Amino acid sequence: MGVLDPLDPSYTVVQKAIKKAVNSAHIMKRASAHTFRHSFASHLLQENYDIRTIQELLGHSDIRTTMKYTYTLQSRSLKQAISPLDFTSENDLSE
């Protein structure tokens, strides 16, 4: 499903490219391919994508692995909640 195997030589190439890009950008935090996967999953959750869809996109066989991403998101208050019926491209959910 597009997930790189750490034993695959392509994996090392991707990791080296990410490390080089992070160093070139003078980013002081550690970043890896997993960082991008985590960010991708978190953004999908913030946009109210179904957890099963995210599970499939990330290639997780167990939903509990995907559920770990839900604990990193800040909860929204009832006042901040947006109905799925009100979603438009103009709504910015990051406020």
C-alpha atoms as a PDB file:
ATOM      1  CA  MET A   1       0.000   0.000   0.000  1.00  0.00           C
ATOM      2  CA  GLY A   2       2.886   2.387  -0.608  1.00  0.00           C
ATOM      3  CA  VAL A   3       4.494   2.002   2.830  1.00  0.00           C
ATOM      4  CA  LEU A   4       8.269   1.755   2.641  1.00  0.00           C
ATOM      5  CA  ASP A   5       9.959  -1.215   4.267  1.00  0.00           C
ATOM      6  CA  PRO A   6      12.952  -0.106   6.431  1.00  0.00           C
ATOM      7  CA  LEU A   7      14.977  -2.920   4.831  1.00  0.00           C
ATOM      8  CA  ASP A   8      14.251  -1.610   1.322  1.00  0.00           C
ATOM      9  CA  PRO A   9      17.125   0.512  -0.091  1.00  0.00           C
ATOM     10  CA  SER A  10      14.538   3.122  -1.154  1.00  0.00           C
ATOM     11  CA  TYR A  11      13.786   3.733   2.513  1.00  0.00           C
ATOM     12  CA  THR A  12      17.359   4.867   3.172  1.00  0.00           C
ATOM     13  CA  VAL A  13      17.256   7.151   0.134  1.00  0.00           C
ATOM     14  CA  VAL A  14      14.053   8.788   1.393  1.00  0.00           C
ATOM     15  CA  GLN A  15      15.421   9.171   4.921  1.00  0.00           C
ATOM     16  CA  LYS A  16      18.642  10.754   3.618  1.00  0.00           C
ATOM     17  CA  ALA A  17      16.688  13.156   1.404  1.00  0.00           C
ATOM     18  CA  ILE A  18      14.518  14.233   4.338  1.00  0.00           C
ATOM     19  CA  LYS A  19      17.562  14.708   6.567  1.00  0.00           C
ATOM     20  CA  LYS A  20      19.279  16.801   3.897  1.00  0.00           C
ATOM     21  CA  ALA A  21      16.169  18.963   3.381  1.00  0.00           C
ATOM     22  CA  VAL A  22      15.728  19.489   7.136  1.00  0.00           C
ATOM     23  CA  ASN A  23      19.392  20.455   7.523  1.00  0.00           C
ATOM     24  CA  SER A  24      19.265  22.778   4.493  1.00  0.00           C
ATOM     25  CA  ALA A  25      16.226  24.519   5.948  1.00  0.00           C
ATOM     26  CA  HIS A  26      18.038  24.905   9.307  1.00  0.00           C
ATOM     27  CA  ILE A  27      15.190  23.190  11.138  1.00  0.00           C
ATOM     28  CA  MET A  28      16.410  22.367  14.612  1.00  0.00           C
ATOM     29  CA  LYS A  29      13.740  19.784  15.463  1.00  0.00           C
ATOM     30  CA  ARG A  30      14.181  16.150  14.505  1.00  0.00           C
ATOM     31  CA  ALA A  31      12.180  15.208  11.423  1.00  0.00           C
ATOM     32  CA  SER A  32      11.735  11.922   9.618  1.00  0.00           C
ATOM     33  CA  ALA A  33       9.361  10.196   7.239  1.00  0.00           C
ATOM     34  CA  HIS A  34       7.315   9.333  10.314  1.00  0.00           C
ATOM     35  CA  THR A  35       7.021  13.054  11.100  1.00  0.00           C
ATOM     36  CA  PHE A  36       5.331  13.548   7.733  1.00  0.00           C
ATOM     37  CA  ARG A  37       3.033  10.557   8.293  1.00  0.00           C
ATOM     38  CA  HIS A  38       2.081  11.915  11.704  1.00  0.00           C
ATOM     39  CA  SER A  39       1.415  15.400  10.299  1.00  0.00           C
ATOM     40  CA  PHE A  40      -0.645  13.934   7.456  1.00  0.00           C
ATOM     41  CA  ALA A  41      -2.788  11.902   9.861  1.00  0.00           C
ATOM     42  CA  SER A  42      -3.219  14.829  12.250  1.00  0.00           C
ATOM     43  CA  HIS A  43      -4.339  17.144   9.457  1.00  0.00           C
ATOM     44  CA  LEU A  44      -6.840  14.587   8.198  1.00  0.00           C
ATOM     45  CA  LEU A  45      -8.263  14.268  11.706  1.00  0.00           C
ATOM     46  CA  GLN A  46      -8.488  18.039  12.045  1.00  0.00           C
ATOM     47  CA  GLU A  47     -10.472  18.098   8.810  1.00  0.00           C
ATOM     48  CA  ASN A  48     -12.840  15.485  10.263  1.00  0.00           C
ATOM     49  CA  TYR A  49     -11.841  12.582   8.032  1.00  0.00           C
ATOM     50  CA  ASP A  50     -13.169   9.251   9.213  1.00  0.00           C
ATOM     51  CA  ILE A  51     -10.699   7.303  11.372  1.00  0.00           C
ATOM     52  CA  ARG A  52     -11.165   4.183   9.195  1.00  0.00           C
ATOM     53  CA  THR A  53     -10.218   6.178   6.088  1.00  0.00           C
ATOM     54  CA  ILE A  54      -7.071   7.417   7.823  1.00  0.00           C
ATOM     55  CA  GLN A  55      -6.293   3.852   8.933  1.00  0.00           C
ATOM     56  CA  GLU A  56      -6.462   2.667   5.339  1.00  0.00           C
ATOM     57  CA  LEU A  57      -4.406   5.575   3.991  1.00  0.00           C
ATOM     58  CA  LEU A  58      -1.645   4.934   6.541  1.00  0.00           C
ATOM     59  CA  GLY A  59      -1.719   1.185   5.988  1.00  0.00           C
ATOM     60  CA  HIS A  60      -2.425   0.314   9.613  1.00  0.00           C
ATOM     61  CA  SER A  61      -3.847  -3.161  10.121  1.00  0.00           C
ATOM     62  CA  ASP A  62      -5.023  -2.348  13.659  1.00  0.00           C
ATOM     63  CA  ILE A  63      -7.290   0.639  14.338  1.00  0.00           C
ATOM     64  CA  ARG A  64      -5.591   1.114  17.728  1.00  0.00           C
ATOM     65  CA  THR A  65      -2.431   2.224  15.930  1.00  0.00           C
ATOM     66  CA  THR A  66      -4.391   4.898  14.074  1.00  0.00           C
ATOM     67  CA  MET A  67      -6.244   5.945  17.233  1.00  0.00           C
ATOM     68  CA  LYS A  68      -2.923   7.070  18.750  1.00  0.00           C
ATOM     69  CA  TYR A  69      -3.083  10.107  16.474  1.00  0.00           C
ATOM     70  CA  THR A  70      -6.329  11.257  18.100  1.00  0.00           C
ATOM     71  CA  TYR A  71      -4.559  11.890  21.407  1.00  0.00           C
ATOM     72  CA  THR A  72      -2.304  14.557  19.910  1.00  0.00           C
ATOM     73  CA  LEU A  73      -5.133  16.834  18.806  1.00  0.00           C
ATOM     74  CA  GLN A  74      -6.465  19.678  20.852  1.00  0.00           C
ATOM     75  CA  SER A  75     -10.124  19.248  21.715  1.00  0.00           C
ATOM     76  CA  ARG A  76     -12.599  21.745  20.336  1.00  0.00           C
ATOM     77  CA  SER A  77     -15.229  23.321  22.509  1.00  0.00           C
ATOM     78  CA  LEU A  78     -18.880  23.161  21.551  1.00  0.00           C
ATOM     79  CA  LYS A  79     -18.623  26.823  20.534  1.00  0.00           C
ATOM     80  CA  GLN A  80     -15.740  26.023  18.118  1.00  0.00           C
ATOM     81  CA  ALA A  81     -17.386  22.951  16.602  1.00  0.00           C
ATOM     82  CA  ILE A  82     -18.480  23.196  12.990  1.00  0.00           C
ATOM     83  CA  SER A  83     -21.242  21.041  11.604  1.00  0.00           C
ATOM     84  CA  PRO A  84     -20.133  18.857   8.684  1.00  0.00           C
ATOM     85  CA  LEU A  85     -23.053  20.412   6.810  1.00  0.00           C
ATOM     86  CA  ASP A  86     -21.368  23.803   7.151  1.00  0.00           C
ATOM     87  CA  PHE A  87     -17.977  22.768   5.744  1.00  0.00           C
ATOM     88  CA  THR A  88     -16.852  24.876   2.825  1.00  0.00           C
ATOM     89  CA  SER A  89     -13.471  25.620   1.348  1.00  0.00           C
ATOM     90  CA  GLU A  90     -13.617  29.050   3.030  1.00  0.00           C
ATOM     91  CA  ASN A  91     -13.935  27.605   6.570  1.00  0.00           C
ATOM     92  CA  ASP A  92     -10.592  27.597   8.320  1.00  0.00           C
ATOM     93  CA  LEU A  93     -10.655  24.864  10.965  1.00  0.00           C
ATOM     94  CA  SER A  94      -7.266  25.827  12.389  1.00  0.00           C
ATOM     95  CA  GLU A  95      -8.518  28.827  14.355  1.00  0.00           C
END
